[in-house]
């Protein structure tokens, strides 16, 4: 499918790792007055390159993608092109996901279960400089976005947690980070308290469920 059109006022880049979704979103938006889909991307890395090349005004960004996720791609794009508006597109309606996307710089958050008209409305809203969050998320959004529990973790704690999630033992982590095993266990205990989880398994589930950016 050709993801471009001759004339339009809002230049849009569609990013999703599923071809059918990309094609469907591009077709939907192309049929709207004043909208032009200038390109499509299947990965976060492709999105960054496309943003640099095509200079879209609005990016529809899938959050769940392999290798480089939508949150990290959003941060990198907005670091270089802060004038771009990003709308996060996600199947997750948990408020934590919404807040993470907004903290990364996204101006909108739309659920994949939303009606087509909602996405179109979100594009028009963010292009006009407004914020849009799907009401179905239940997230209470204000100018001051609440701090995530993950932001309570220190850089070293994140390094330890990344390795815990990857399946490393305390001994392995201690060796990689030049720490004692006791210190690693202390870090793990502190993280459990900060995140409100009772054990290592729950800590891993929490990190995976909320896609903790531990790197």
C-alpha atoms as a PDB file:
ATOM      1  CA  UNK A   1       0.000   0.000   0.000  1.00  0.00           C
ATOM      2  CA  UNK A   2       1.189   3.514  -0.796  1.00  0.00           C
ATOM      3  CA  UNK A   3       1.107   5.336   2.527  1.00  0.00           C
ATOM      4  CA  UNK A   4       1.119   8.827   1.085  1.00  0.00           C
ATOM      5  CA  UNK A   5      -1.167  11.357  -0.498  1.00  0.00           C
ATOM      6  CA  UNK A   6      -0.714  14.446  -2.639  1.00  0.00           C
ATOM      7  CA  UNK A   7      -2.267  17.116  -0.436  1.00  0.00           C
ATOM      8  CA  UNK A   8      -3.202  17.451   3.225  1.00  0.00           C
ATOM      9  CA  UNK A   9      -2.585  19.751   6.168  1.00  0.00           C
ATOM     10  CA  UNK A  10      -1.637  17.328   8.965  1.00  0.00           C
ATOM     11  CA  UNK A  11       1.349  15.170   8.010  1.00  0.00           C
ATOM     12  CA  UNK A  12       1.103  11.794   9.770  1.00  0.00           C
ATOM     13  CA  UNK A  13       3.508   8.893  10.284  1.00  0.00           C
ATOM     14  CA  UNK A  14       1.948   5.534  11.257  1.00  0.00           C
ATOM     15  CA  UNK A  15       4.072   3.168  13.355  1.00  0.00           C
ATOM     16  CA  UNK A  16       2.966  -0.385  14.180  1.00  0.00           C
ATOM     17  CA  UNK A  17       4.676  -3.755  13.903  1.00  0.00           C
ATOM     18  CA  UNK A  18       1.560  -5.420  12.439  1.00  0.00           C
ATOM     19  CA  UNK A  19       1.114  -4.873   8.729  1.00  0.00           C
ATOM     20  CA  UNK A  20      -2.674  -5.131   8.766  1.00  0.00           C
ATOM     21  CA  UNK A  21      -2.891  -2.512  11.505  1.00  0.00           C
ATOM     22  CA  UNK A  22      -0.528  -0.145   9.667  1.00  0.00           C
ATOM     23  CA  UNK A  23      -2.457  -0.514   6.425  1.00  0.00           C
ATOM     24  CA  UNK A  24      -5.789  -0.053   8.177  1.00  0.00           C
ATOM     25  CA  UNK A  25      -4.713   3.046  10.068  1.00  0.00           C
ATOM     26  CA  UNK A  26      -3.168   4.581   6.964  1.00  0.00           C
ATOM     27  CA  UNK A  27      -6.346   3.961   4.945  1.00  0.00           C
ATOM     28  CA  UNK A  28      -8.532   5.384   7.718  1.00  0.00           C
ATOM     29  CA  UNK A  29      -6.522   8.574   8.101  1.00  0.00           C
ATOM     30  CA  UNK A  30      -6.042   9.136   4.366  1.00  0.00           C
ATOM     31  CA  UNK A  31      -9.817   9.353   3.982  1.00  0.00           C
ATOM     32  CA  UNK A  32     -10.067  12.231   6.458  1.00  0.00           C
ATOM     33  CA  UNK A  33     -10.179  15.832   5.299  1.00  0.00           C
ATOM     34  CA  UNK A  34      -6.966  17.692   6.061  1.00  0.00           C
ATOM     35  CA  UNK A  35      -4.861  14.598   6.809  1.00  0.00           C
ATOM     36  CA  UNK A  36      -1.973  13.085   4.878  1.00  0.00           C
ATOM     37  CA  UNK A  37      -0.170   9.860   5.774  1.00  0.00           C
ATOM     38  CA  UNK A  38       3.383  10.551   4.665  1.00  0.00           C
ATOM     39  CA  UNK A  39       4.813   7.200   5.689  1.00  0.00           C
ATOM     40  CA  UNK A  40       4.614   4.006   7.711  1.00  0.00           C
ATOM     41  CA  UNK A  41       7.135   2.212   9.938  1.00  0.00           C
ATOM     42  CA  UNK A  42       7.158  -1.274  11.456  1.00  0.00           C
ATOM     43  CA  UNK A  43       9.712  -0.804  14.261  1.00  0.00           C
ATOM     44  CA  UNK A  44      10.914   1.847  16.661  1.00  0.00           C
ATOM     45  CA  UNK A  45      14.191   2.222  14.777  1.00  0.00           C
ATOM     46  CA  UNK A  46      12.328   2.618  11.483  1.00  0.00           C
ATOM     47  CA  UNK A  47      10.112   5.231  13.134  1.00  0.00           C
ATOM     48  CA  UNK A  48      13.146   7.291  14.167  1.00  0.00           C
ATOM     49  CA  UNK A  49      14.600   7.198  10.660  1.00  0.00           C
ATOM     50  CA  UNK A  50      11.225   7.999   9.099  1.00  0.00           C
ATOM     51  CA  UNK A  51      10.706  10.936  11.465  1.00  0.00           C
ATOM     52  CA  UNK A  52      14.084  12.339  10.466  1.00  0.00           C
ATOM     53  CA  UNK A  53      13.390  11.888   6.763  1.00  0.00           C
ATOM     54  CA  UNK A  54       9.697  12.806   6.519  1.00  0.00           C
ATOM     55  CA  UNK A  55       9.293  15.393   9.308  1.00  0.00           C
ATOM     56  CA  UNK A  56       5.680  14.437  10.202  1.00  0.00           C
ATOM     57  CA  UNK A  57       3.588  16.681  12.409  1.00  0.00           C
ATOM     58  CA  UNK A  58       1.848  13.765  14.140  1.00  0.00           C
ATOM     59  CA  UNK A  59       3.107  10.230  14.780  1.00  0.00           C
ATOM     60  CA  UNK A  60       0.733   7.385  15.655  1.00  0.00           C
ATOM     61  CA  UNK A  61       3.064   5.253  17.783  1.00  0.00           C
ATOM     62  CA  UNK A  62       2.399   1.651  18.763  1.00  0.00           C
ATOM     63  CA  UNK A  63       3.885   1.067  22.223  1.00  0.00           C
ATOM     64  CA  UNK A  64       4.463  -2.684  22.069  1.00  0.00           C
ATOM     65  CA  UNK A  65       7.130  -3.404  19.469  1.00  0.00           C
ATOM     66  CA  UNK A  66      10.135  -5.741  19.504  1.00  0.00           C
ATOM     67  CA  UNK A  67      13.685  -4.426  19.978  1.00  0.00           C
ATOM     68  CA  UNK A  68      12.935  -0.712  20.486  1.00  0.00           C
ATOM     69  CA  UNK A  69       9.535  -0.091  22.069  1.00  0.00           C
ATOM     70  CA  UNK A  70       7.280   2.875  21.380  1.00  0.00           C
ATOM     71  CA  UNK A  71       8.145   4.653  24.629  1.00  0.00           C
ATOM     72  CA  UNK A  72      11.872   4.701  23.891  1.00  0.00           C
ATOM     73  CA  UNK A  73      11.279   5.579  20.236  1.00  0.00           C
ATOM     74  CA  UNK A  74       9.101   8.499  21.342  1.00  0.00           C
ATOM     75  CA  UNK A  75      11.796   9.811  23.672  1.00  0.00           C
ATOM     76  CA  UNK A  76      14.455   9.641  20.959  1.00  0.00           C
ATOM     77  CA  UNK A  77      12.283  11.300  18.323  1.00  0.00           C
ATOM     78  CA  UNK A  78      11.168  14.121  20.596  1.00  0.00           C
ATOM     79  CA  UNK A  79      14.713  14.714  21.770  1.00  0.00           C
ATOM     80  CA  UNK A  80      15.616  15.757  18.215  1.00  0.00           C
ATOM     81  CA  UNK A  81      12.207  16.940  17.009  1.00  0.00           C
ATOM     82  CA  UNK A  82      10.357  18.404  20.014  1.00  0.00           C
ATOM     83  CA  UNK A  83       7.810  20.075  17.752  1.00  0.00           C
ATOM     84  CA  UNK A  84       6.423  16.662  16.715  1.00  0.00           C
ATOM     85  CA  UNK A  85       3.214  15.412  18.324  1.00  0.00           C
ATOM     86  CA  UNK A  86       3.101  11.727  19.270  1.00  0.00           C
ATOM     87  CA  UNK A  87      -0.080   9.764  19.924  1.00  0.00           C
ATOM     88  CA  UNK A  88       0.568   6.505  21.740  1.00  0.00           C
ATOM     89  CA  UNK A  89      -1.549   3.623  20.466  1.00  0.00           C
ATOM     90  CA  UNK A  90      -1.870   0.753  22.923  1.00  0.00           C
ATOM     91  CA  UNK A  91      -3.985  -2.193  23.982  1.00  0.00           C
ATOM     92  CA  UNK A  92      -3.108  -1.409  27.606  1.00  0.00           C
ATOM     93  CA  UNK A  93      -5.533   0.809  29.490  1.00  0.00           C
ATOM     94  CA  UNK A  94      -3.720   0.740  32.825  1.00  0.00           C
ATOM     95  CA  UNK A  95      -3.083   4.275  34.101  1.00  0.00           C
ATOM     96  CA  UNK A  96       0.609   3.504  34.620  1.00  0.00           C
ATOM     97  CA  UNK A  97       1.033   2.925  30.877  1.00  0.00           C
ATOM     98  CA  UNK A  98      -0.720   6.219  30.154  1.00  0.00           C
ATOM     99  CA  UNK A  99       1.526   8.147  32.542  1.00  0.00           C
ATOM    100  CA  UNK A 100       4.667   6.519  31.125  1.00  0.00           C
ATOM    101  CA  UNK A 101       3.692   7.544  27.605  1.00  0.00           C
ATOM    102  CA  UNK A 102       2.953  11.115  28.673  1.00  0.00           C
ATOM    103  CA  UNK A 103       6.192  11.380  30.634  1.00  0.00           C
ATOM    104  CA  UNK A 104       8.029  10.254  27.487  1.00  0.00           C
ATOM    105  CA  UNK A 105       6.500  13.256  25.725  1.00  0.00           C
ATOM    106  CA  UNK A 106       3.427  11.812  24.000  1.00  0.00           C
ATOM    107  CA  UNK A 107       0.564  14.284  23.616  1.00  0.00           C
ATOM    108  CA  UNK A 108      -2.088  11.613  23.174  1.00  0.00           C
ATOM    109  CA  UNK A 109      -2.976   8.095  24.255  1.00  0.00           C
ATOM    110  CA  UNK A 110      -5.560   6.080  22.325  1.00  0.00           C
ATOM    111  CA  UNK A 111      -6.622   2.501  23.000  1.00  0.00           C
ATOM    112  CA  UNK A 112      -6.571   0.007  20.146  1.00  0.00           C
ATOM    113  CA  UNK A 113     -10.122  -0.938  21.117  1.00  0.00           C
ATOM    114  CA  UNK A 114     -11.326   2.627  20.502  1.00  0.00           C
ATOM    115  CA  UNK A 115     -13.621   3.541  17.611  1.00  0.00           C
ATOM    116  CA  UNK A 116     -11.980   4.931  14.490  1.00  0.00           C
ATOM    117  CA  UNK A 117     -13.589   8.314  15.093  1.00  0.00           C
ATOM    118  CA  UNK A 118     -11.760   8.605  18.416  1.00  0.00           C
ATOM    119  CA  UNK A 119      -8.354   8.258  16.782  1.00  0.00           C
ATOM    120  CA  UNK A 120      -9.284  10.824  14.144  1.00  0.00           C
ATOM    121  CA  UNK A 121     -10.414  13.188  16.889  1.00  0.00           C
ATOM    122  CA  UNK A 122      -7.197  12.596  18.800  1.00  0.00           C
ATOM    123  CA  UNK A 123      -5.118  13.497  15.740  1.00  0.00           C
ATOM    124  CA  UNK A 124      -7.026  16.746  15.289  1.00  0.00           C
ATOM    125  CA  UNK A 125      -6.747  17.551  19.005  1.00  0.00           C
ATOM    126  CA  UNK A 126      -2.993  17.053  19.332  1.00  0.00           C
ATOM    127  CA  UNK A 127      -2.307  18.782  16.014  1.00  0.00           C
ATOM    128  CA  UNK A 128      -4.107  21.783  17.485  1.00  0.00           C
ATOM    129  CA  UNK A 129      -1.796  21.678  20.502  1.00  0.00           C
ATOM    130  CA  UNK A 130      -4.116  19.898  22.923  1.00  0.00           C
ATOM    131  CA  UNK A 131      -3.636  16.713  24.936  1.00  0.00           C
ATOM    132  CA  UNK A 132      -5.899  13.714  24.351  1.00  0.00           C
ATOM    133  CA  UNK A 133      -6.270  10.577  26.457  1.00  0.00           C
ATOM    134  CA  UNK A 134      -8.922   7.927  25.802  1.00  0.00           C
ATOM    135  CA  UNK A 135     -11.604   8.259  28.511  1.00  0.00           C
ATOM    136  CA  UNK A 136     -11.752   4.447  28.706  1.00  0.00           C
ATOM    137  CA  UNK A 137      -8.282   4.353  30.319  1.00  0.00           C
ATOM    138  CA  UNK A 138      -9.714   5.923  33.460  1.00  0.00           C
ATOM    139  CA  UNK A 139      -6.501   7.919  33.812  1.00  0.00           C
ATOM    140  CA  UNK A 140      -6.871  11.297  35.470  1.00  0.00           C
ATOM    141  CA  UNK A 141      -4.544  13.505  33.471  1.00  0.00           C
ATOM    142  CA  UNK A 142      -3.471  16.992  34.419  1.00  0.00           C
ATOM    143  CA  UNK A 143      -0.621  19.304  33.523  1.00  0.00           C
ATOM    144  CA  UNK A 144       1.408  17.622  36.274  1.00  0.00           C
ATOM    145  CA  UNK A 145       1.763  13.938  35.438  1.00  0.00           C
ATOM    146  CA  UNK A 146       2.113  11.751  38.569  1.00  0.00           C
ATOM    147  CA  UNK A 147       5.479  10.178  39.233  1.00  0.00           C
ATOM    148  CA  UNK A 148       5.794   6.519  38.427  1.00  0.00           C
ATOM    149  CA  UNK A 149       6.858   4.104  41.185  1.00  0.00           C
ATOM    150  CA  UNK A 150       9.693   3.125  38.832  1.00  0.00           C
ATOM    151  CA  UNK A 151      11.177   6.588  39.135  1.00  0.00           C
ATOM    152  CA  UNK A 152      11.873   5.879  42.793  1.00  0.00           C
ATOM    153  CA  UNK A 153      14.538   3.383  41.739  1.00  0.00           C
ATOM    154  CA  UNK A 154      18.146   4.473  41.569  1.00  0.00           C
ATOM    155  CA  UNK A 155      20.265   3.883  38.469  1.00  0.00           C
ATOM    156  CA  UNK A 156      22.011   0.970  40.167  1.00  0.00           C
ATOM    157  CA  UNK A 157      18.712  -0.567  41.246  1.00  0.00           C
ATOM    158  CA  UNK A 158      17.528  -0.428  37.643  1.00  0.00           C
ATOM    159  CA  UNK A 159      20.713  -2.157  36.514  1.00  0.00           C
ATOM    160  CA  UNK A 160      20.116  -4.910  39.048  1.00  0.00           C
ATOM    161  CA  UNK A 161      16.448  -5.236  38.141  1.00  0.00           C
ATOM    162  CA  UNK A 162      17.189  -5.467  34.415  1.00  0.00           C
ATOM    163  CA  UNK A 163      19.394  -8.463  35.114  1.00  0.00           C
ATOM    164  CA  UNK A 164      16.884 -10.037  37.504  1.00  0.00           C
ATOM    165  CA  UNK A 165      14.226  -9.850  34.783  1.00  0.00           C
ATOM    166  CA  UNK A 166      16.719 -11.360  32.304  1.00  0.00           C
ATOM    167  CA  UNK A 167      17.045 -14.400  34.602  1.00  0.00           C
ATOM    168  CA  UNK A 168      20.442 -13.765  36.174  1.00  0.00           C
ATOM    169  CA  UNK A 169      21.105 -15.062  39.686  1.00  0.00           C
ATOM    170  CA  UNK A 170      22.338 -12.817  42.480  1.00  0.00           C
ATOM    171  CA  UNK A 171      25.814 -14.280  42.030  1.00  0.00           C
ATOM    172  CA  UNK A 172      25.777 -13.541  38.295  1.00  0.00           C
ATOM    173  CA  UNK A 173      24.614  -9.979  38.883  1.00  0.00           C
ATOM    174  CA  UNK A 174      27.238  -9.433  41.557  1.00  0.00           C
ATOM    175  CA  UNK A 175      29.953 -10.573  39.160  1.00  0.00           C
ATOM    176  CA  UNK A 176      28.724  -8.419  36.254  1.00  0.00           C
ATOM    177  CA  UNK A 177      28.365  -5.280  38.361  1.00  0.00           C
ATOM    178  CA  UNK A 178      31.401  -5.848  40.581  1.00  0.00           C
ATOM    179  CA  UNK A 179      29.281  -6.057  43.707  1.00  0.00           C
ATOM    180  CA  UNK A 180      29.002  -8.539  46.540  1.00  0.00           C
ATOM    181  CA  UNK A 181      26.075 -10.956  46.485  1.00  0.00           C
ATOM    182  CA  UNK A 182      24.874  -9.456  49.761  1.00  0.00           C
ATOM    183  CA  UNK A 183      24.758  -5.997  48.161  1.00  0.00           C
ATOM    184  CA  UNK A 184      22.719  -7.346  45.236  1.00  0.00           C
ATOM    185  CA  UNK A 185      20.282  -8.941  47.669  1.00  0.00           C
ATOM    186  CA  UNK A 186      20.049  -5.623  49.522  1.00  0.00           C
ATOM    187  CA  UNK A 187      19.206  -3.817  46.275  1.00  0.00           C
ATOM    188  CA  UNK A 188      16.545  -6.393  45.501  1.00  0.00           C
ATOM    189  CA  UNK A 189      15.010  -5.951  48.944  1.00  0.00           C
ATOM    190  CA  UNK A 190      14.921  -2.174  48.577  1.00  0.00           C
ATOM    191  CA  UNK A 191      13.232  -2.463  45.180  1.00  0.00           C
ATOM    192  CA  UNK A 192      10.571  -4.773  46.578  1.00  0.00           C
ATOM    193  CA  UNK A 193       9.775  -2.218  49.274  1.00  0.00           C
ATOM    194  CA  UNK A 194       9.721   0.716  46.840  1.00  0.00           C
ATOM    195  CA  UNK A 195       7.481  -1.094  44.341  1.00  0.00           C
ATOM    196  CA  UNK A 196       5.307  -2.760  46.966  1.00  0.00           C
ATOM    197  CA  UNK A 197       5.865  -6.375  45.912  1.00  0.00           C
ATOM    198  CA  UNK A 198       6.400  -9.326  48.276  1.00  0.00           C
ATOM    199  CA  UNK A 199       9.033 -11.444  46.523  1.00  0.00           C
ATOM    200  CA  UNK A 200      11.377 -11.874  43.540  1.00  0.00           C
ATOM    201  CA  UNK A 201       8.726 -13.478  41.329  1.00  0.00           C
ATOM    202  CA  UNK A 202       6.299 -10.631  41.972  1.00  0.00           C
ATOM    203  CA  UNK A 203       9.089  -8.133  41.285  1.00  0.00           C
ATOM    204  CA  UNK A 204       9.702  -9.698  37.871  1.00  0.00           C
ATOM    205  CA  UNK A 205       5.969  -9.807  37.063  1.00  0.00           C
ATOM    206  CA  UNK A 206       5.625  -6.150  38.029  1.00  0.00           C
ATOM    207  CA  UNK A 207       8.515  -5.112  35.782  1.00  0.00           C
ATOM    208  CA  UNK A 208       7.226  -7.141  32.833  1.00  0.00           C
ATOM    209  CA  UNK A 209       3.626  -6.039  33.218  1.00  0.00           C
ATOM    210  CA  UNK A 210       4.498  -2.355  33.274  1.00  0.00           C
ATOM    211  CA  UNK A 211       7.416  -2.560  30.813  1.00  0.00           C
ATOM    212  CA  UNK A 212       9.796  -0.957  33.260  1.00  0.00           C
ATOM    213  CA  UNK A 213      12.447   1.044  31.314  1.00  0.00           C
ATOM    214  CA  UNK A 214      15.350  -0.353  33.312  1.00  0.00           C
ATOM    215  CA  UNK A 215      18.045   0.106  30.701  1.00  0.00           C
END
